[in-house]
Amino acid sequence: MWAIFFPVSAMETLQVANSTIISAFSGWYVYLVAALIIVCAVLALVPQSGSLRIGAPDEKPEFSRFSWFSMLFGAGIGIGMLTYSTGEPLAHFVNNPDIIRGTVESASREAVRPAYMWTFLHWGFGAWCTYALVGLAIGYVSHRRGLPLTIRSSLVPLFGGRMSGAAGHLVDIVAVVATILGVAVTMGLGVQQFVAGLYRVGFGDWLMVESTDGSGMTSSAAAIIISLLVLVGASTLSALSGVGRGIKWLSNLNMGLSFALLLLFAVAGSGLYALELLGYGIWDYLRTLPANSLTLFSSDGSASGDALVQWQLDWSVFYWAWWIAFAPFVGMFIARISRGRTIREYILGVALVPSLMCFLWMVLAGGTAIELELSGEAGGRILDAGISDQLYATLAVLLTPEMAFVVSSLVVVLLMTYLITSADSAILIVNTINGAGDDEGARRYHILFWGAALAFMVGSMLILGGIEAIRITMIIGALPFSIVVVAMCVAIIKAVVFDLIRKRHGVPTTAEACEQWDGEVSGR
């Protein structure tokens, strides 16, 4: 509402925040995500902790590995992947730290490998270890202690019964704010790409207007408002209905269309080149992971030093904040579907499989776009397009006009279903958090309120300053929850260590076992 009624004041405040608060806390985000990767690695690789089960000691997983991996894929990959599968490799192909330092020429063949090294850094273990840690902190405590599956339960090992009072309410409020802002970024990206797709397939010139900064075409205010009314309205109705069949059908459709699009790029695009990029990219990513995860660029007063700092704020810091803000949403879902798995299987599965799927998307879609530009076939048409339009531009160069129209229409449908299911899931997750794990938050007026709040948030910030305005707001909004993530990290370590001590002394480590225990300690 502030952004809608006081746009000048809102934009000025956001610009000040961007130059002060975000810059001051960039190191916090960088080092926090590096620490989360280390904690996940230790919990998974230490034999004693890795063998502990998320649930009862003899409990079997609810879902098969294939179903589990499919749901992991759908949890954190979707709208952002459609935007960034071409957008990010192309962006780093034109500008990355090596290009800024002058060691590699922009948009050259030599710029491709560093472009993928940085792309994989942002979509690899940093993202998925953040989700894994939050999901493990929630799921381990909830499933083993018999507590509600919600954010506040994860901190019970640290704060005990105080989490059922005001302290727990505060944690949930922080998580809700982070979730709404994280989902707002995803929705904002999706709406812009959805509008760009409608424009591409001929729904009218009114959908796009010239941007105020002269950087190209952008979504018109009318297109944003109408798209949000339709998409968030549909997702709110779905959440109100409480019928899971429709969402399950949409999720299956999402998966089918996503793999069809990947197959198209593999067959009609640069499939062999993509495999080469995948090999080089994974090697470069793993080889440089420790250094790149701990690197914090600082300004030395030179133009290149300032450019490196700005590049890290625009990319790495943005991503780390985005993953942290999205973690309550994805973490609660992963915790729900991972009961019965060991910590080792859980962390390796959550960190490795979705990361590899992200990498495949990036090399198949982005590699095809880069090869079209390097060969001269695209003639700059893909690079010159806005990030929301680059996937469509790639299809326009790669395919005949008729096929490009058909596939672009399918991408629009895919985006629409992703947007509806993402907003629907976000509304339900927020209501679950507000209900402290039960269905008290599922009242109709709560669902209507959060549907309207999400639409207002995305629409007002997109009209005010585009994705940049949402990006700044989200990085600031994720800051309080990043402190909760640190507490979660300490809490899960404490819970695991204490369970190992109890296990060594023959004391029960789960709620069910405690109820059956007769008080005798074996081995004493």
Protein backbone atom coordinates (compact mmCIF):
# COMPACT_ATOMS: atom_id res chain seq x y z
CA MET A 1 0.00 0.00 0.00
CA TRP A 2 2.94 2.27 0.80
CA ALA A 3 4.39 1.64 -2.67
CA ILE A 4 1.03 2.28 -4.37
CA PHE A 5 0.10 5.53 -2.59
CA PHE A 6 3.58 7.01 -2.01
CA PRO A 7 5.63 5.74 -4.98
CA VAL A 8 8.29 8.50 -4.89
CA SER A 9 8.94 8.07 -1.16
CA ALA A 10 8.99 4.27 -1.50
CA MET A 11 11.48 4.30 -4.38
CA GLU A 12 13.78 6.79 -2.65
CA THR A 13 13.76 4.68 0.53
CA LEU A 14 14.51 1.51 -1.44
CA GLN A 15 17.41 3.19 -3.23
CA VAL A 16 18.91 4.31 0.09
CA ALA A 17 18.43 0.80 1.48
CA ASN A 18 20.10 -0.66 -1.59
CA SER A 19 23.21 1.48 -1.17
CA THR A 20 23.53 1.12 2.62
CA ILE A 21 21.80 -1.83 4.31
CA ILE A 22 22.35 -4.38 1.55
CA SER A 23 26.00 -3.41 1.06
CA ALA A 24 26.61 -3.60 4.81
CA PHE A 25 25.17 -7.13 5.08
CA SER A 26 26.51 -8.63 1.85
CA GLY A 27 29.29 -10.42 3.77
CA TRP A 28 26.74 -11.84 6.20
CA TYR A 29 24.81 -13.54 3.38
CA VAL A 30 27.96 -14.83 1.65
CA TYR A 31 29.51 -16.38 4.75
CA LEU A 32 26.19 -17.70 6.11
CA VAL A 33 25.49 -19.73 2.96
CA ALA A 34 29.08 -21.05 2.99
CA ALA A 35 28.55 -22.14 6.61
CA LEU A 36 25.29 -23.92 5.72
CA ILE A 37 27.09 -25.95 3.02
CA ILE A 38 29.75 -26.99 5.57
CA VAL A 39 27.19 -27.95 8.25
CA CYS A 40 25.21 -30.05 5.75
CA ALA A 41 28.38 -31.81 4.58
CA VAL A 42 29.43 -32.62 8.15
CA LEU A 43 25.98 -33.93 9.17
CA ALA A 44 25.81 -36.13 6.07
CA LEU A 45 29.37 -37.47 6.02
CA VAL A 46 29.94 -38.18 9.73
CA PRO A 47 28.80 -41.85 10.04
CA GLN A 48 27.04 -41.49 13.40
CA SER A 49 24.92 -38.44 12.49
CA GLY A 50 24.32 -39.54 8.90
CA SER A 51 22.73 -42.81 10.03
CA LEU A 52 20.09 -41.12 12.23
CA ARG A 53 16.61 -41.32 10.74
CA ILE A 54 14.12 -38.47 10.28
CA GLY A 55 11.43 -40.27 12.22
CA ALA A 56 11.36 -43.51 14.22
CA PRO A 57 14.53 -45.67 14.00
CA ASP A 58 12.78 -48.40 11.98
CA GLU A 59 10.47 -46.13 9.99
CA LYS A 60 10.38 -46.55 6.21
CA PRO A 61 10.11 -43.60 3.78
CA GLU A 62 6.58 -42.70 2.76
CA PHE A 63 7.55 -42.13 -0.90
CA SER A 64 9.73 -44.06 -3.33
CA ARG A 65 13.03 -42.49 -4.34
CA PHE A 66 11.69 -41.64 -7.80
CA SER A 67 8.59 -39.91 -6.39
CA TRP A 68 10.73 -38.15 -3.78
CA PHE A 69 13.19 -36.85 -6.38
CA SER A 70 10.30 -35.72 -8.59
CA MET A 71 8.77 -33.74 -5.74
CA LEU A 72 12.17 -32.24 -4.83
CA PHE A 73 12.50 -31.13 -8.44
CA GLY A 74 9.08 -29.46 -8.34
CA ALA A 75 9.66 -27.79 -4.96
CA GLY A 76 12.40 -25.32 -5.80
CA ILE A 77 12.59 -25.37 -9.60
CA GLY A 78 10.01 -23.82 -11.87
CA ILE A 79 9.33 -20.16 -12.56
CA GLY A 80 12.85 -19.00 -11.75
CA MET A 81 14.31 -21.78 -13.86
CA LEU A 82 12.29 -20.73 -16.92
CA THR A 83 13.58 -17.16 -16.57
CA TYR A 84 17.19 -17.87 -15.64
CA SER A 85 17.93 -21.01 -17.69
CA THR A 86 18.77 -18.70 -20.58
CA GLY A 87 18.97 -15.37 -18.74
CA GLU A 88 21.77 -16.13 -16.28
CA PRO A 89 24.29 -17.91 -18.57
CA LEU A 90 23.78 -15.14 -21.13
CA ALA A 91 24.24 -12.42 -18.48
CA HIS A 92 27.52 -13.95 -17.24
CA PHE A 93 28.56 -14.57 -20.87
CA VAL A 94 28.49 -10.80 -21.30
CA ASN A 95 29.66 -9.73 -17.83
CA ASN A 96 31.31 -11.74 -15.05
CA PRO A 97 34.25 -11.13 -12.66
CA ASP A 98 36.81 -12.39 -15.23
CA ILE A 99 35.43 -9.98 -17.84
CA ILE A 100 35.40 -7.12 -15.31
CA ARG A 101 39.06 -7.81 -14.47
CA GLY A 102 39.91 -7.79 -18.17
CA THR A 103 41.25 -11.36 -18.37
CA VAL A 104 38.44 -12.55 -20.68
CA GLU A 105 36.67 -10.76 -23.53
CA SER A 106 32.92 -10.20 -23.18
CA ALA A 107 30.64 -12.45 -25.29
CA SER A 108 33.60 -14.53 -26.49
CA ARG A 109 34.01 -18.30 -26.52
CA GLU A 110 36.49 -17.93 -23.64
CA ALA A 111 33.75 -16.26 -21.54
CA VAL A 112 31.51 -19.36 -21.63
CA ARG A 113 33.33 -21.47 -19.02
CA PRO A 114 33.46 -18.76 -16.32
CA ALA A 115 29.82 -17.92 -17.16
CA TYR A 116 28.80 -21.46 -16.24
CA MET A 117 31.07 -21.62 -13.22
CA TRP A 118 29.21 -18.65 -11.68
CA THR A 119 25.80 -19.91 -12.86
CA PHE A 120 26.38 -23.29 -11.20
CA LEU A 121 27.59 -21.55 -8.03
CA HIS A 122 24.26 -19.75 -7.71
CA TRP A 123 22.01 -22.74 -8.55
CA GLY A 124 24.04 -25.50 -6.88
CA PHE A 125 24.82 -26.43 -3.29
CA GLY A 126 24.34 -22.89 -1.94
CA ALA A 127 20.65 -23.01 -2.80
CA TRP A 128 19.94 -26.63 -1.98
CA CYS A 129 21.97 -26.85 1.23
CA THR A 130 20.02 -23.82 2.49
CA TYR A 131 16.75 -25.63 1.74
CA ALA A 132 18.14 -28.91 3.14
CA LEU A 133 19.25 -27.36 6.44
CA VAL A 134 15.93 -25.58 7.05
CA GLY A 135 13.94 -28.67 6.04
CA LEU A 136 16.09 -30.92 8.23
CA ALA A 137 15.77 -28.62 11.25
CA ILE A 138 11.97 -28.68 10.89
CA GLY A 139 11.52 -32.32 9.88
CA TYR A 140 14.01 -33.93 12.28
CA VAL A 141 12.52 -32.30 15.38
CA SER A 142 8.89 -32.58 14.24
CA HIS A 143 9.01 -36.22 13.14
CA ARG A 144 11.16 -37.48 16.03
CA ARG A 145 9.67 -35.40 18.86
CA GLY A 146 6.03 -35.51 17.76
CA LEU A 147 5.81 -31.72 17.32
CA PRO A 148 3.81 -29.76 14.71
CA LEU A 149 5.50 -29.50 11.30
CA THR A 150 6.24 -25.77 11.37
CA ILE A 151 9.06 -23.26 11.73
CA ARG A 152 8.89 -22.76 15.50
CA SER A 153 9.28 -26.50 16.18
CA SER A 154 12.81 -26.43 14.74
CA LEU A 155 14.00 -24.18 17.59
CA VAL A 156 12.59 -26.30 20.45
CA PRO A 157 16.01 -28.01 21.01
CA LEU A 158 17.39 -24.54 21.85
CA PHE A 159 14.50 -22.77 23.57
CA GLY A 160 12.18 -25.55 24.76
CA GLY A 161 8.59 -24.70 25.69
CA ARG A 162 9.12 -20.98 25.13
CA MET A 163 8.50 -21.68 21.42
CA SER A 164 4.81 -22.22 22.18
CA GLY A 165 4.44 -18.61 23.31
CA ALA A 166 5.44 -15.12 22.14
CA ALA A 167 8.91 -16.22 21.02
CA GLY A 168 7.39 -18.80 18.69
CA HIS A 169 4.94 -16.21 17.34
CA LEU A 170 7.84 -13.86 16.55
CA VAL A 171 9.75 -16.60 14.70
CA ASP A 172 6.65 -17.45 12.65
CA ILE A 173 6.04 -13.77 11.78
CA VAL A 174 9.63 -13.44 10.54
CA ALA A 175 9.21 -16.65 8.50
CA VAL A 176 5.93 -15.42 6.96
CA VAL A 177 7.48 -12.09 5.92
CA ALA A 178 10.45 -13.89 4.35
CA THR A 179 8.18 -16.37 2.57
CA ILE A 180 5.90 -13.69 1.11
CA LEU A 181 8.89 -11.66 -0.12
CA GLY A 182 10.69 -14.72 -1.51
CA VAL A 183 7.56 -15.86 -3.35
CA ALA A 184 7.01 -12.25 -4.53
CA VAL A 185 10.35 -12.36 -6.39
CA THR A 186 9.41 -15.66 -8.02
CA MET A 187 5.93 -14.40 -8.89
CA GLY A 188 7.35 -11.13 -10.20
CA LEU A 189 9.74 -12.94 -12.54
CA GLY A 190 6.97 -15.28 -13.64
CA VAL A 191 4.44 -12.52 -14.31
CA GLN A 192 6.93 -10.54 -16.41
CA GLN A 193 7.82 -13.64 -18.46
CA PHE A 194 4.13 -14.57 -18.73
CA VAL A 195 3.29 -11.12 -20.14
CA ALA A 196 6.30 -11.27 -22.50
CA GLY A 197 5.04 -14.65 -23.74
CA LEU A 198 1.52 -13.34 -24.34
CA TYR A 199 3.06 -10.45 -26.30
CA ARG A 200 5.17 -12.90 -28.35
CA VAL A 201 2.18 -15.04 -29.32
CA GLY A 202 0.14 -12.02 -30.40
CA PHE A 203 -2.17 -10.99 -27.56
CA GLY A 204 -1.64 -7.29 -28.28
CA ASP A 205 0.91 -4.45 -28.24
CA TRP A 206 -0.66 -3.03 -25.07
CA LEU A 207 1.05 -5.73 -23.03
CA MET A 208 4.52 -4.20 -23.36
CA VAL A 209 5.77 -0.60 -23.11
CA GLU A 210 9.14 1.10 -23.38
CA SER A 211 10.92 1.05 -19.99
CA THR A 212 11.59 4.40 -18.30
CA ASP A 213 15.36 3.80 -18.16
CA GLY A 214 15.54 3.11 -21.89
CA SER A 215 16.75 -0.48 -21.42
CA GLY A 216 14.07 -1.94 -23.71
CA MET A 217 10.49 -3.20 -23.47
CA THR A 218 8.86 -4.07 -20.16
CA SER A 219 5.41 -5.20 -18.99
CA SER A 220 2.75 -2.49 -18.90
CA ALA A 221 0.94 -1.69 -15.64
CA ALA A 222 -2.37 -2.89 -17.13
CA ALA A 223 -0.81 -6.21 -18.18
CA ILE A 224 0.67 -6.76 -14.69
CA ILE A 225 -2.62 -5.98 -12.92
CA ILE A 226 -4.76 -8.16 -15.20
CA SER A 227 -2.27 -11.05 -15.08
CA LEU A 228 -2.15 -10.94 -11.28
CA LEU A 229 -5.94 -10.77 -10.98
CA VAL A 230 -6.26 -13.89 -13.14
CA LEU A 231 -3.32 -15.89 -11.75
CA VAL A 232 -3.57 -15.10 -8.03
CA GLY A 233 -7.36 -15.23 -8.28
CA ALA A 234 -7.15 -18.76 -9.70
CA SER A 235 -4.64 -19.85 -7.04
CA THR A 236 -6.79 -18.37 -4.24
CA LEU A 237 -9.86 -20.21 -5.52
CA SER A 238 -7.79 -23.39 -5.64
CA ALA A 239 -6.63 -22.88 -2.04
CA LEU A 240 -10.21 -22.16 -0.94
CA SER A 241 -11.52 -25.32 -2.56
CA GLY A 242 -9.11 -27.47 -0.61
CA VAL A 243 -9.26 -30.08 -3.39
CA GLY A 244 -5.84 -31.62 -4.02
CA ARG A 245 -6.74 -33.35 -7.29
CA GLY A 246 -6.51 -30.18 -9.38
CA ILE A 247 -3.14 -29.15 -7.98
CA LYS A 248 -1.82 -32.70 -8.42
CA TRP A 249 -2.97 -32.62 -12.05
CA LEU A 250 -1.35 -29.23 -12.61
CA SER A 251 1.90 -30.43 -11.02
CA ASN A 252 2.00 -33.45 -13.33
CA LEU A 253 1.33 -31.15 -16.29
CA ASN A 254 4.19 -28.89 -15.14
CA MET A 255 6.57 -31.83 -15.01
CA GLY A 256 5.54 -33.18 -18.41
CA LEU A 257 5.82 -29.81 -20.17
CA SER A 258 9.14 -29.05 -18.45
CA PHE A 259 10.73 -32.28 -19.66
CA ALA A 260 9.24 -31.81 -23.13
CA LEU A 261 10.90 -28.39 -23.30
CA LEU A 262 14.22 -29.87 -22.13
CA LEU A 263 13.94 -32.61 -24.75
CA LEU A 264 13.31 -29.99 -27.43
CA PHE A 265 16.52 -28.15 -26.53
CA ALA A 266 18.43 -31.45 -26.39
CA VAL A 267 17.27 -32.57 -29.86
CA ALA A 268 16.72 -29.34 -31.82
CA GLY A 269 19.21 -27.24 -29.86
CA SER A 270 22.85 -27.72 -28.98
CA GLY A 271 22.60 -31.07 -27.18
CA LEU A 272 26.23 -32.19 -27.67
CA TYR A 273 27.56 -28.74 -26.83
CA ALA A 274 25.39 -28.80 -23.69
CA LEU A 275 26.99 -32.08 -22.55
CA GLU A 276 30.42 -30.53 -23.01
CA LEU A 277 29.33 -27.47 -21.01
CA LEU A 278 27.91 -29.73 -18.29
CA GLY A 279 31.23 -31.55 -17.89
CA TYR A 280 33.36 -28.41 -17.88
CA GLY A 281 30.85 -26.56 -15.70
CA ILE A 282 30.66 -29.19 -12.97
CA TRP A 283 34.47 -29.55 -12.89
CA ASP A 284 35.02 -25.78 -12.70
CA TYR A 285 32.26 -25.41 -10.11
CA LEU A 286 33.58 -28.09 -7.76
CA ARG A 287 37.19 -26.99 -8.23
CA THR A 288 36.44 -23.37 -7.31
CA LEU A 289 33.57 -23.97 -4.83
CA PRO A 290 35.55 -23.28 -1.60
CA ALA A 291 37.19 -20.13 -2.96
CA ASN A 292 34.08 -18.71 -4.66
CA SER A 293 31.83 -19.49 -1.68
CA LEU A 294 34.10 -17.51 0.65
CA THR A 295 35.03 -14.66 -1.71
CA LEU A 296 33.70 -11.23 -0.74
CA PHE A 297 34.61 -8.54 -3.23
CA SER A 298 35.62 -5.18 -1.75
CA SER A 299 36.08 -1.84 -3.46
CA ASP A 300 39.65 -0.61 -3.90
CA GLY A 301 38.60 2.73 -5.36
CA SER A 302 39.04 1.61 -8.96
CA ALA A 303 36.30 1.25 -11.54
CA SER A 304 36.83 -2.53 -11.76
CA GLY A 305 36.74 -2.88 -7.95
CA ASP A 306 33.42 -1.02 -7.75
CA ALA A 307 32.08 -3.13 -10.64
CA LEU A 308 33.03 -6.38 -8.87
CA VAL A 309 31.24 -5.28 -5.68
CA GLN A 310 28.13 -4.31 -7.66
CA TRP A 311 28.22 -7.58 -9.61
CA GLN A 312 28.26 -9.59 -6.38
CA LEU A 313 25.38 -7.55 -4.92
CA ASP A 314 23.33 -8.00 -8.11
CA TRP A 315 23.94 -11.74 -8.37
CA SER A 316 25.42 -13.71 -5.44
CA VAL A 317 23.95 -11.63 -2.59
CA PHE A 318 20.58 -11.49 -4.37
CA TYR A 319 20.55 -15.27 -4.78
CA TRP A 320 21.65 -16.06 -1.23
CA ALA A 321 18.92 -13.79 0.16
CA TRP A 322 16.38 -15.30 -2.27
CA TRP A 323 17.19 -18.86 -1.21
CA ILE A 324 17.02 -17.89 2.49
CA ALA A 325 13.67 -16.12 1.97
CA PHE A 326 12.33 -19.10 0.01
CA ALA A 327 13.62 -21.62 2.58
CA PRO A 328 10.54 -21.64 4.90
CA PHE A 329 8.34 -22.41 1.89
CA VAL A 330 10.55 -25.11 0.32
CA GLY A 331 11.95 -26.37 3.65
CA MET A 332 8.52 -27.16 5.11
CA PHE A 333 7.54 -29.01 1.95
CA ILE A 334 10.77 -31.05 1.88
CA ALA A 335 10.38 -31.84 5.60
CA ARG A 336 6.86 -33.12 4.92
CA ILE A 337 7.91 -35.54 2.14
CA SER A 338 11.19 -36.77 3.70
CA ARG A 339 9.98 -38.61 6.78
CA GLY A 340 11.67 -42.00 7.22
CA ARG A 341 14.92 -41.14 5.41
CA THR A 342 18.33 -41.04 7.07
CA ILE A 343 20.08 -37.69 7.44
CA ARG A 344 22.75 -38.83 4.95
CA GLU A 345 20.25 -39.90 2.31
CA TYR A 346 18.19 -36.75 2.90
CA ILE A 347 21.06 -34.25 2.56
CA LEU A 348 22.75 -35.98 -0.38
CA GLY A 349 19.40 -36.34 -2.16
CA VAL A 350 18.30 -32.76 -1.57
CA ALA A 351 21.70 -31.26 -2.41
CA LEU A 352 22.81 -33.38 -5.38
CA VAL A 353 19.78 -34.35 -7.49
CA PRO A 354 18.02 -30.95 -7.81
CA SER A 355 21.41 -29.24 -8.33
CA LEU A 356 22.10 -31.58 -11.25
CA MET A 357 18.65 -30.88 -12.71
CA CYS A 358 19.31 -27.13 -12.46
CA PHE A 359 22.64 -27.61 -14.24
CA LEU A 360 20.94 -29.59 -17.04
CA TRP A 361 18.40 -26.81 -17.57
CA MET A 362 21.16 -24.20 -17.70
CA VAL A 363 23.35 -26.02 -20.22
CA LEU A 364 20.53 -27.16 -22.52
CA ALA A 365 18.55 -23.90 -22.73
CA GLY A 366 21.37 -21.45 -22.00
CA GLY A 367 23.96 -23.41 -24.02
CA THR A 368 21.67 -23.38 -27.06
CA ALA A 369 21.21 -19.60 -26.74
CA ILE A 370 24.96 -19.01 -26.35
CA GLU A 371 25.83 -21.27 -29.33
CA LEU A 372 23.28 -19.42 -31.51
CA GLU A 373 24.96 -16.13 -30.59
CA LEU A 374 28.53 -17.42 -31.03
CA SER A 375 27.71 -18.87 -34.47
CA GLY A 376 26.21 -15.55 -35.56
CA GLU A 377 22.85 -17.16 -36.31
CA ALA A 378 21.09 -15.10 -33.62
CA GLY A 379 22.78 -11.85 -34.62
CA GLY A 380 22.33 -10.36 -31.15
CA ARG A 381 18.57 -10.93 -31.10
CA ILE A 382 18.80 -13.11 -27.96
CA LEU A 383 21.37 -10.97 -26.13
CA ASP A 384 19.43 -7.78 -26.89
CA ALA A 385 16.16 -9.19 -25.51
CA GLY A 386 15.18 -8.55 -21.90
CA ILE A 387 15.77 -11.36 -19.43
CA SER A 388 12.04 -12.20 -19.36
CA ASP A 389 11.99 -12.50 -23.16
CA GLN A 390 15.27 -14.36 -23.80
CA LEU A 391 13.75 -17.85 -23.68
CA TYR A 392 11.16 -16.83 -26.29
CA ALA A 393 13.87 -15.10 -28.36
CA THR A 394 15.93 -18.32 -28.32
CA LEU A 395 12.93 -20.32 -29.53
CA ALA A 396 12.28 -17.71 -32.28
CA VAL A 397 15.84 -18.13 -33.62
CA LEU A 398 15.98 -21.90 -33.17
CA LEU A 399 12.62 -22.86 -34.69
CA THR A 400 10.46 -21.96 -37.66
CA PRO A 401 7.92 -19.18 -36.95
CA GLU A 402 5.07 -21.70 -36.78
CA MET A 403 6.91 -24.04 -34.37
CA ALA A 404 8.17 -21.09 -32.30
CA PHE A 405 4.56 -19.92 -31.89
CA VAL A 406 3.42 -23.40 -30.73
CA VAL A 407 6.33 -23.91 -28.28
CA SER A 408 6.09 -20.33 -26.95
CA SER A 409 2.38 -20.91 -26.32
CA LEU A 410 3.26 -24.08 -24.37
CA VAL A 411 5.80 -22.08 -22.32
CA VAL A 412 3.05 -19.55 -21.51
CA VAL A 413 0.79 -22.40 -20.37
CA LEU A 414 3.66 -23.87 -18.32
CA LEU A 415 4.30 -20.50 -16.69
CA MET A 416 0.62 -20.08 -15.92
CA THR A 417 0.40 -23.47 -14.19
CA TYR A 418 3.66 -22.85 -12.29
CA LEU A 419 2.42 -19.44 -11.14
CA ILE A 420 -0.95 -20.79 -9.99
CA THR A 421 0.53 -23.77 -8.11
CA SER A 422 3.31 -21.64 -6.57
CA ALA A 423 0.89 -19.00 -5.29
CA ASP A 424 -1.55 -21.67 -4.09
CA SER A 425 1.23 -23.51 -2.21
CA ALA A 426 2.59 -20.27 -0.76
CA ILE A 427 -0.82 -19.27 0.60
CA LEU A 428 -1.32 -22.69 2.21
CA ILE A 429 2.24 -22.76 3.67
CA VAL A 430 1.83 -19.26 5.14
CA ASN A 431 -1.47 -20.30 6.71
CA THR A 432 0.15 -23.45 8.13
CA ILE A 433 2.92 -21.34 9.69
CA ASN A 434 0.35 -18.92 11.10
CA GLY A 435 -1.63 -21.86 12.48
CA ALA A 436 1.49 -23.19 14.29
CA GLY A 437 1.35 -26.37 12.24
CA ASP A 438 -2.38 -27.09 12.46
CA ASP A 439 -5.22 -26.07 10.17
CA GLU A 440 -6.37 -23.12 12.27
CA GLY A 441 -4.84 -20.84 9.64
CA ALA A 442 -6.92 -22.38 6.86
CA ARG A 443 -10.03 -20.26 7.44
CA ARG A 444 -11.45 -18.75 4.28
CA TYR A 445 -10.74 -15.13 5.19
CA HIS A 446 -7.09 -15.99 5.92
CA ILE A 447 -6.70 -17.50 2.45
CA LEU A 448 -8.38 -14.49 0.85
CA PHE A 449 -6.19 -12.10 2.84
CA TRP A 450 -2.90 -13.75 1.87
CA GLY A 451 -3.96 -14.09 -1.77
CA ALA A 452 -4.73 -10.35 -1.86
CA ALA A 453 -1.52 -9.51 0.05
CA LEU A 454 0.62 -11.47 -2.40
CA ALA A 455 -1.05 -9.82 -5.40
CA PHE A 456 -0.63 -6.33 -3.88
CA MET A 457 3.00 -7.01 -3.01
CA VAL A 458 3.96 -8.23 -6.48
CA GLY A 459 1.84 -5.75 -8.43
CA SER A 460 2.80 -2.62 -6.50
CA MET A 461 6.54 -3.35 -6.54
CA LEU A 462 6.58 -4.35 -10.23
CA ILE A 463 4.78 -1.14 -11.20
CA LEU A 464 6.93 0.94 -8.84
CA GLY A 465 10.36 -0.26 -9.90
CA GLY A 466 10.15 -3.65 -11.58
CA ILE A 467 12.06 -6.70 -10.37
CA GLU A 468 14.76 -4.43 -8.95
CA ALA A 469 12.32 -3.01 -6.39
CA ILE A 470 11.18 -6.50 -5.33
CA ARG A 471 14.81 -7.66 -5.23
CA ILE A 472 15.83 -4.89 -2.83
CA THR A 473 12.78 -5.43 -0.60
CA MET A 474 13.35 -9.18 -0.50
CA ILE A 475 17.05 -8.92 0.44
CA ILE A 476 16.13 -6.66 3.38
CA GLY A 477 13.12 -8.80 4.35
CA ALA A 478 15.21 -12.00 4.34
CA LEU A 479 17.65 -10.51 6.87
CA PRO A 480 15.61 -11.28 10.04
CA PHE A 481 14.94 -14.84 8.88
CA SER A 482 18.67 -15.34 8.20
CA ILE A 483 19.13 -14.96 11.98
CA VAL A 484 16.46 -17.63 12.51
CA VAL A 485 18.38 -19.86 10.06
CA VAL A 486 21.51 -19.51 12.24
CA ALA A 487 19.45 -20.54 15.29
CA MET A 488 18.05 -23.49 13.27
CA CYS A 489 21.61 -24.51 12.43
CA VAL A 490 22.63 -24.55 16.09
CA ALA A 491 19.37 -26.29 17.08
CA ILE A 492 19.73 -29.19 14.63
CA ILE A 493 23.36 -29.72 15.63
CA LYS A 494 22.33 -29.79 19.29
CA ALA A 495 19.42 -32.15 18.59
CA VAL A 496 21.64 -34.57 16.66
CA VAL A 497 24.48 -34.51 19.21
CA PHE A 498 22.11 -35.08 22.15
CA ASP A 499 20.36 -37.92 20.29
CA LEU A 500 23.73 -39.57 19.67
CA ILE A 501 24.54 -39.29 23.40
CA ARG A 502 21.13 -40.73 24.31
CA LYS A 503 21.56 -43.52 21.78
CA ARG A 504 24.96 -44.45 23.25
CA HIS A 505 23.41 -44.76 26.71
CA GLY A 506 20.36 -46.67 25.50
CA VAL A 507 17.94 -43.82 26.18
CA PRO A 508 15.04 -43.38 23.67
CA THR A 509 15.50 -40.64 21.09
CA THR A 510 11.97 -40.41 19.66
CA ALA A 511 8.57 -39.55 21.14
CA GLU A 512 7.11 -42.98 20.28
CA ALA A 513 10.01 -44.82 21.91
CA CYS A 514 9.72 -42.66 25.05
CA GLU A 515 6.07 -43.66 25.46
CA GLN A 516 7.02 -47.36 25.37
CA TRP A 517 10.18 -47.07 27.48
CA ASP A 518 10.15 -48.67 30.91
CA GLY A 519 12.94 -46.51 32.30
CA GLU A 520 15.65 -49.18 32.24
CA VAL A 521 18.95 -48.11 30.70
CA SER A 522 20.70 -50.94 28.92
CA GLY A 523 24.43 -51.50 29.29
CA ARG A 524 24.84 -49.93 32.73
